[in-house]
Protein backbone atom coordinates (compact mmCIF):
# COMPACT_ATOMS: atom_id res chain seq x y z
CA MET A 1 0.09 -0.09 0.29
CA ALA A 2 1.09 3.97 -1.13
CA CYS A 3 1.89 6.35 1.83
CA VAL A 4 -0.55 9.50 1.49
CA LYS A 5 2.65 10.88 1.50
CA GLU A 6 4.43 8.89 -1.85
CA ILE A 7 0.06 9.12 -3.37
CA LEU A 8 0.51 13.00 -2.57
CA LYS A 9 4.08 13.30 -3.57
CA ASN A 10 3.71 11.48 -7.55
CA SER A 11 0.68 13.78 -8.14
CA LEU A 12 2.40 17.06 -7.27
CA MET A 13 5.77 15.35 -9.31
CA ASN A 14 2.63 15.86 -12.68
CA LEU A 15 3.12 19.61 -12.28
CA LEU A 16 4.74 21.87 -14.85
CA LYS A 17 7.36 24.46 -12.22
CA ALA A 18 4.29 27.33 -13.24
CA GLU A 19 1.93 25.03 -12.10
CA ARG A 20 3.68 24.06 -9.43
CA LYS A 21 3.80 27.86 -8.42
CA GLU A 22 -0.16 28.19 -8.71
CA PHE A 23 -0.60 24.72 -6.07
CA LEU A 24 1.56 26.65 -3.72
CA TRP A 25 -0.08 30.11 -4.17
CA HIS A 26 -4.22 28.18 -3.73
CA LEU A 27 -2.30 26.11 -0.67
CA GLU A 28 -0.84 29.16 0.76
CA ASN A 29 -3.54 31.91 0.64
CA ASP A 30 -6.75 29.70 0.68
CA HIS A 31 -5.15 28.42 4.64
CA GLU A 32 -4.36 29.83 7.62
CA CYS A 33 -2.31 27.15 8.44
CA ILE A 34 0.15 26.67 6.47
CA SER A 35 2.09 30.31 5.81
CA ILE A 36 3.78 32.20 2.64
CA SER A 37 7.70 32.12 4.86
CA GLU A 38 7.05 28.14 5.37
CA LEU A 39 6.77 27.42 1.35
CA GLU A 40 8.53 30.12 0.44
CA GLU A 41 11.32 27.75 -0.85
CA ALA A 42 9.68 24.97 -0.57
CA ASP A 43 10.12 21.70 -3.00
CA ILE A 44 7.38 19.06 -3.60
CA ILE A 45 8.90 17.09 -0.72
CA ASP A 46 8.74 19.74 1.55
CA THR A 47 4.73 20.31 0.37
CA VAL A 48 3.54 17.01 0.57
CA ASN A 49 5.59 16.65 4.82
CA LYS A 50 3.63 20.01 5.33
CA MET A 51 0.35 19.70 4.36
CA VAL A 52 0.29 16.45 6.09
CA SER A 53 1.18 17.70 9.58
CA CYS A 54 -0.97 20.52 8.85
CA PHE A 55 -4.05 18.90 8.12
CA GLY A 56 -3.85 15.33 8.25
CA PRO A 57 -3.37 12.25 6.04
CA ASP A 58 -7.24 12.15 4.68
CA GLU A 59 -7.80 16.37 4.84
CA ALA A 60 -4.24 16.94 2.84
CA VAL A 61 -5.82 14.78 -0.07
CA LYS A 62 -8.36 16.93 0.37
CA ILE A 63 -6.90 19.54 -0.62
CA ALA A 64 -4.85 18.67 -2.52
CA VAL A 65 -8.70 17.81 -5.52
CA ASP A 66 -9.71 20.88 -4.81
CA ILE A 67 -6.91 22.63 -5.55
CA LEU A 68 -6.40 20.71 -9.00
CA ARG A 69 -9.64 21.77 -9.46
CA LYS A 70 -9.71 24.56 -9.22
CA MET A 71 -6.20 25.19 -11.41
CA ASN A 72 -8.19 22.84 -13.73
CA HIS A 73 -6.44 19.24 -13.58
CA SER A 74 -9.82 16.94 -12.99
CA ASN A 75 -7.80 14.36 -14.32
CA LEU A 76 -4.95 14.97 -12.14
CA ALA A 77 -7.26 15.31 -9.26
CA LYS A 78 -10.01 12.38 -10.29
CA GLN A 79 -6.37 9.93 -10.44
CA LEU A 80 -4.77 11.56 -7.15
CA GLU A 81 -8.65 10.94 -4.95
CA ASN A 82 -8.73 6.97 -6.74
CA LYS A 83 -5.25 6.23 -5.58
CA HIS A 84 -5.99 7.33 -2.22
CA LYS A 85 -9.22 5.58 -1.82
CA GLN A 86 -7.82 2.73 -3.25
CA ALA A 87 -4.26 3.05 -1.09
CA GLN A 88 -7.16 2.96 2.02
CA ALA A 89 -9.16 -0.26 1.47
CA GLU A 90 -6.16 -2.13 0.58
CA GLY A 91 -5.55 -0.85 4.37
CA ASN A 92 -8.70 -1.41 5.78
CA MET A 93 -8.40 -4.90 4.21
CA LYS A 94 -5.15 -6.04 5.47
CA THR A 95 -6.34 -4.86 8.79
CA SER A 96 -9.88 -7.07 8.60
CA VAL A 97 -7.68 -9.85 7.64
CA SER A 98 -5.53 -9.46 10.42
CA VAL A 99 -8.43 -8.63 13.30
CA GLY A 100 -9.70 -12.09 11.87
CA ALA A 101 -6.10 -13.85 11.91
CA ASP A 102 -5.94 -12.62 15.62
CA SER A 103 -9.84 -13.66 16.43
CA LYS A 104 -9.32 -17.75 15.36
CA GLU A 105 -5.45 -17.88 17.54
CA SER A 106 -7.77 -16.95 20.41
CA LEU A 107 -10.68 -19.40 19.87
CA GLY A 108 -7.83 -22.04 19.28
CA LYS A 109 -6.16 -21.48 22.26
């Protein structure tokens, strides 16, 4: 399962330099948690780390999707949403399998 940070990073890597700058502009202006000075010299990894630390993983994805849509990158936004949902589903399946396996072991003892 790909982690949220990796999914966000890979999505933002698809943006051109000018588009990354616009993404940061939206991020800084639409969300008080992140200031202009914090992202002034930020690369994609710094941006992703800051988004996840400020908003949490799920909200960071939601915010990125919203910004990408504002920038008319609907396809990229949809891909990000789908990858995130897939990663969540895989994580939920692994968790439920583990819980089921633990339950069977404890019943057998």
